[in-house]
Amino acid sequence: MTNVILKRDNIINCKSKDQITTIYSSLLYHKENKNKDTIIEIYNTMQEILDEK
C-alpha cells in the first residue's frame, strides 16, 4: 500500500507586514490519480498564492 500512496512535504514561509509565519505541510495522493499533476502543481505554488494575500 505504501507504494500506491505518495507523500510530498512542503515548508511554506508566509510573509506579512511585520512577521514571517512558517507552515509545515504534507500532501498525500494516490499515484494513479488522473489529476495528480495539477494537484502537485497547485500544492507547489501555495507559497506564491499566500504571499499575494
PDB file of N, CA and C in Angstrom:
ATOM      1  N   MET A   1       0.811  -1.194   0.000  1.00  0.00           N
ATOM      2  CA  MET A   1       0.000   0.000   0.000  1.00  0.00           C
ATOM      3  C   MET A   1       0.857   1.262   0.000  1.00  0.00           C
ATOM      4  N   THR A   2       2.002   1.239   0.615  1.00  0.00           N
ATOM      5  CA  THR A   2       2.830   2.442   0.690  1.00  0.00           C
ATOM      6  C   THR A   2       3.350   2.876  -0.675  1.00  0.00           C
ATOM      7  N   ASN A   3       3.418   1.985  -1.645  1.00  0.00           N
ATOM      8  CA  ASN A   3       3.876   2.397  -2.965  1.00  0.00           C
ATOM      9  C   ASN A   3       2.734   2.917  -3.837  1.00  0.00           C
ATOM     10  N   VAL A   4       1.516   2.898  -3.334  1.00  0.00           N
ATOM     11  CA  VAL A   4       0.358   3.418  -4.063  1.00  0.00           C
ATOM     12  C   VAL A   4       0.043   4.841  -3.606  1.00  0.00           C
ATOM     13  N   ILE A   5       0.241   5.113  -2.341  1.00  0.00           N
ATOM     14  CA  ILE A   5       0.011   6.440  -1.781  1.00  0.00           C
ATOM     15  C   ILE A   5       1.369   7.132  -1.648  1.00  0.00           C
ATOM     16  N   LEU A   6       1.464   8.322  -2.225  1.00  0.00           N
ATOM     17  CA  LEU A   6       2.711   9.066  -2.184  1.00  0.00           C
ATOM     18  C   LEU A   6       2.536  10.307  -1.315  1.00  0.00           C
ATOM     19  N   LYS A   7       3.656  10.790  -0.794  1.00  0.00           N
ATOM     20  CA  LYS A   7       3.624  11.938   0.106  1.00  0.00           C
ATOM     21  C   LYS A   7       4.614  12.989  -0.366  1.00  0.00           C
ATOM     22  N   ARG A   8       4.197  14.241  -0.316  1.00  0.00           N
ATOM     23  CA  ARG A   8       5.071  15.376  -0.581  1.00  0.00           C
ATOM     24  C   ARG A   8       5.026  16.303   0.616  1.00  0.00           C
ATOM     25  N   ASP A   9       6.180  16.751   1.034  1.00  0.00           N
ATOM     26  CA  ASP A   9       6.281  17.702   2.131  1.00  0.00           C
ATOM     27  C   ASP A   9       6.633  19.073   1.577  1.00  0.00           C
ATOM     28  N   ASN A  10       6.173  20.093   2.259  1.00  0.00           N
ATOM     29  CA  ASN A  10       6.439  21.451   1.814  1.00  0.00           C
ATOM     30  C   ASN A  10       6.533  22.359   3.038  1.00  0.00           C
ATOM     31  N   ILE A  11       7.522  23.211   3.027  1.00  0.00           N
ATOM     32  CA  ILE A  11       7.652  24.226   4.063  1.00  0.00           C
ATOM     33  C   ILE A  11       7.319  25.561   3.402  1.00  0.00           C
ATOM     34  N   ILE A  12       6.301  26.221   3.935  1.00  0.00           N
ATOM     35  CA  ILE A  12       5.817  27.472   3.352  1.00  0.00           C
ATOM     36  C   ILE A  12       6.109  28.602   4.329  1.00  0.00           C
ATOM     37  N   ASN A  13       6.754  29.634   3.839  1.00  0.00           N
ATOM     38  CA  ASN A  13       7.026  30.823   4.642  1.00  0.00           C
ATOM     39  C   ASN A  13       6.111  31.935   4.157  1.00  0.00           C
ATOM     40  N   CYS A  14       5.127  32.262   4.974  1.00  0.00           N
ATOM     41  CA  CYS A  14       4.149  33.303   4.629  1.00  0.00           C
ATOM     42  C   CYS A  14       4.624  34.638   5.189  1.00  0.00           C
ATOM     43  N   LYS A  15       4.720  35.608   4.314  1.00  0.00           N
ATOM     44  CA  LYS A  15       5.172  36.932   4.725  1.00  0.00           C
ATOM     45  C   LYS A  15       3.966  37.818   4.999  1.00  0.00           C
ATOM     46  N   SER A  16       4.010  38.482   6.113  1.00  0.00           N
ATOM     47  CA  SER A  16       3.009  39.502   6.416  1.00  0.00           C
ATOM     48  C   SER A  16       3.765  40.812   6.633  1.00  0.00           C
ATOM     49  N   LYS A  17       3.067  41.819   7.016  1.00  0.00           N
ATOM     50  CA  LYS A  17       3.703  43.138   7.164  1.00  0.00           C
ATOM     51  C   LYS A  17       4.834  43.146   8.183  1.00  0.00           C
ATOM     52  N   ASP A  18       4.669  42.425   9.270  1.00  0.00           N
ATOM     53  CA  ASP A  18       5.678  42.508  10.330  1.00  0.00           C
ATOM     54  C   ASP A  18       6.255  41.172  10.782  1.00  0.00           C
ATOM     55  N   GLN A  19       5.927  40.077  10.100  1.00  0.00           N
ATOM     56  CA  GLN A  19       6.484  38.792  10.508  1.00  0.00           C
ATOM     57  C   GLN A  19       6.410  37.770   9.384  1.00  0.00           C
ATOM     58  N   ILE A  20       7.123  36.681   9.580  1.00  0.00           N
ATOM     59  CA  ILE A  20       7.073  35.550   8.662  1.00  0.00           C
ATOM     60  C   ILE A  20       6.562  34.346   9.455  1.00  0.00           C
ATOM     61  N   THR A  21       5.533  33.710   8.937  1.00  0.00           N
ATOM     62  CA  THR A  21       4.972  32.516   9.564  1.00  0.00           C
ATOM     63  C   THR A  21       5.387  31.305   8.745  1.00  0.00           C
ATOM     64  N   THR A  22       5.878  30.281   9.412  1.00  0.00           N
ATOM     65  CA  THR A  22       6.287  29.062   8.736  1.00  0.00           C
ATOM     66  C   THR A  22       5.212  27.999   8.911  1.00  0.00           C
ATOM     67  N   ILE A  23       4.797  27.416   7.800  1.00  0.00           N
ATOM     68  CA  ILE A  23       3.789  26.353   7.800  1.00  0.00           C
ATOM     69  C   ILE A  23       4.444  25.091   7.251  1.00  0.00           C
ATOM     70  N   TYR A  24       4.353  24.033   8.023  1.00  0.00           N
ATOM     71  CA  TYR A  24       4.866  22.736   7.582  1.00  0.00           C
ATOM     72  C   TYR A  24       3.672  21.922   7.098  1.00  0.00           C
ATOM     73  N   SER A  25       3.677  21.556   5.839  1.00  0.00           N
ATOM     74  CA  SER A  25       2.517  20.855   5.292  1.00  0.00           C
ATOM     75  C   SER A  25       2.943  19.597   4.550  1.00  0.00           C
ATOM     76  N   SER A  26       1.993  18.688   4.420  1.00  0.00           N
ATOM     77  CA  SER A  26       2.212  17.448   3.683  1.00  0.00           C
ATOM     78  C   SER A  26       1.001  17.165   2.812  1.00  0.00           C
ATOM     79  N   LEU A  27       1.261  16.578   1.686  1.00  0.00           N
ATOM     80  CA  LEU A  27       0.206  16.211   0.748  1.00  0.00           C
ATOM     81  C   LEU A  27       0.302  14.715   0.491  1.00  0.00           C
ATOM     82  N   LEU A  28      -0.796  14.025   0.682  1.00  0.00           N
ATOM     83  CA  LEU A  28      -0.874  12.605   0.344  1.00  0.00           C
ATOM     84  C   LEU A  28      -1.756  12.466  -0.884  1.00  0.00           C
ATOM     85  N   TYR A  29      -1.308  11.670  -1.845  1.00  0.00           N
ATOM     86  CA  TYR A  29      -2.101  11.473  -3.048  1.00  0.00           C
ATOM     87  C   TYR A  29      -1.869  10.074  -3.608  1.00  0.00           C
ATOM     88  N   HIS A  30      -2.831   9.598  -4.333  1.00  0.00           N
ATOM     89  CA  HIS A  30      -2.762   8.285  -4.951  1.00  0.00           C
ATOM     90  C   HIS A  30      -2.001   8.424  -6.254  1.00  0.00           C
ATOM     91  N   LYS A  31      -1.013   7.584  -6.479  1.00  0.00           N
ATOM     92  CA  LYS A  31      -0.171   7.744  -7.658  1.00  0.00           C
ATOM     93  C   LYS A  31      -0.919   7.533  -8.975  1.00  0.00           C
ATOM     94  N   GLU A  32      -2.089   6.918  -8.926  1.00  0.00           N
ATOM     95  CA  GLU A  32      -2.870   6.718 -10.148  1.00  0.00           C
ATOM     96  C   GLU A  32      -3.970   7.770 -10.325  1.00  0.00           C
ATOM     97  N   ASN A  33      -3.969   8.778  -9.483  1.00  0.00           N
ATOM     98  CA  ASN A  33      -4.946   9.857  -9.600  1.00  0.00           C
ATOM     99  C   ASN A  33      -4.712  10.590 -10.922  1.00  0.00           C
ATOM    100  N   LYS A  34      -5.741  10.687 -11.743  1.00  0.00           N
ATOM    101  CA  LYS A  34      -5.570  11.305 -13.062  1.00  0.00           C
ATOM    102  C   LYS A  34      -5.294  12.805 -12.965  1.00  0.00           C
ATOM    103  N   ASN A  35      -5.581  13.411 -11.826  1.00  0.00           N
ATOM    104  CA  ASN A  35      -5.346  14.842 -11.624  1.00  0.00           C
ATOM    105  C   ASN A  35      -4.095  15.141 -10.805  1.00  0.00           C
ATOM    106  N   LYS A  36      -3.254  14.155 -10.591  1.00  0.00           N
ATOM    107  CA  LYS A  36      -2.124  14.338  -9.675  1.00  0.00           C
ATOM    108  C   LYS A  36      -1.166  15.434 -10.122  1.00  0.00           C
ATOM    109  N   ASP A  37      -0.947  15.598 -11.411  1.00  0.00           N
ATOM    110  CA  ASP A  37      -0.032  16.653 -11.864  1.00  0.00           C
ATOM    111  C   ASP A  37      -0.570  18.034 -11.519  1.00  0.00           C
ATOM    112  N   THR A  38      -1.852  18.241 -11.692  1.00  0.00           N
ATOM    113  CA  THR A  38      -2.481  19.516 -11.346  1.00  0.00           C
ATOM    114  C   THR A  38      -2.445  19.737  -9.838  1.00  0.00           C
ATOM    115  N   ILE A  39      -2.756  18.703  -9.083  1.00  0.00           N
ATOM    116  CA  ILE A  39      -2.753  18.800  -7.622  1.00  0.00           C
ATOM    117  C   ILE A  39      -1.355  19.152  -7.118  1.00  0.00           C
ATOM    118  N   ILE A  40      -0.336  18.510  -7.651  1.00  0.00           N
ATOM    119  CA  ILE A  40       1.041  18.775  -7.226  1.00  0.00           C
ATOM    120  C   ILE A  40       1.460  20.187  -7.630  1.00  0.00           C
ATOM    121  N   GLU A  41       1.070  20.630  -8.798  1.00  0.00           N
ATOM    122  CA  GLU A  41       1.400  21.978  -9.243  1.00  0.00           C
ATOM    123  C   GLU A  41       0.795  23.027  -8.309  1.00  0.00           C
ATOM    124  N   ILE A  42      -0.458  22.847  -7.956  1.00  0.00           N
ATOM    125  CA  ILE A  42      -1.118  23.772  -7.034  1.00  0.00           C
ATOM    126  C   ILE A  42      -0.462  23.715  -5.662  1.00  0.00           C
ATOM    127  N   TYR A  43      -0.177  22.534  -5.202  1.00  0.00           N
ATOM    128  CA  TYR A  43       0.471  22.372  -3.899  1.00  0.00           C
ATOM    129  C   TYR A  43       1.826  23.085  -3.872  1.00  0.00           C
ATOM    130  N   ASN A  44       2.565  22.974  -4.958  1.00  0.00           N
ATOM    131  CA  ASN A  44       3.888  23.598  -5.026  1.00  0.00           C
ATOM    132  C   ASN A  44       3.825  25.118  -5.144  1.00  0.00           C
ATOM    133  N   THR A  45       2.686  25.678  -5.516  1.00  0.00           N
ATOM    134  CA  THR A  45       2.568  27.129  -5.651  1.00  0.00           C
ATOM    135  C   THR A  45       1.825  27.773  -4.475  1.00  0.00           C
ATOM    136  N   MET A  46       1.582  27.028  -3.432  1.00  0.00           N
ATOM    137  CA  MET A  46       0.860  27.567  -2.280  1.00  0.00           C
ATOM    138  C   MET A  46       1.543  28.787  -1.676  1.00  0.00           C
ATOM    139  N   GLN A  47       2.852  28.785  -1.607  1.00  0.00           N
ATOM    140  CA  GLN A  47       3.553  29.924  -1.018  1.00  0.00           C
ATOM    141  C   GLN A  47       3.306  31.177  -1.851  1.00  0.00           C
ATOM    142  N   GLU A  48       3.380  31.082  -3.155  1.00  0.00           N
ATOM    143  CA  GLU A  48       3.110  32.231  -4.017  1.00  0.00           C
ATOM    144  C   GLU A  48       1.693  32.758  -3.803  1.00  0.00           C
ATOM    145  N   ILE A  49       0.740  31.858  -3.712  1.00  0.00           N
ATOM    146  CA  ILE A  49      -0.651  32.249  -3.520  1.00  0.00           C
ATOM    147  C   ILE A  49      -0.829  32.966  -2.185  1.00  0.00           C
ATOM    148  N   LEU A  50      -0.242  32.427  -1.127  1.00  0.00           N
ATOM    149  CA  LEU A  50      -0.365  33.043   0.192  1.00  0.00           C
ATOM    150  C   LEU A  50       0.358  34.394   0.268  1.00  0.00           C
ATOM    151  N   ASP A  51       1.465  34.529  -0.434  1.00  0.00           N
ATOM    152  CA  ASP A  51       2.190  35.798  -0.418  1.00  0.00           C
ATOM    153  C   ASP A  51       1.408  36.913  -1.098  1.00  0.00           C
ATOM    154  N   GLU A  52       0.514  36.545  -2.001  1.00  0.00           N
ATOM    155  CA  GLU A  52      -0.294  37.549  -2.701  1.00  0.00           C
ATOM    156  C   GLU A  52      -1.395  38.115  -1.811  1.00  0.00           C
ATOM    157  N   LYS A  53      -1.728  37.457  -0.733  1.00  0.00           N
ATOM    158  CA  LYS A  53      -2.834  37.897   0.156  1.00  0.00           C
ATOM    159  C   LYS A  53      -2.359  38.953   1.115  1.00  0.00           C
TER     160      LYS A  53
END
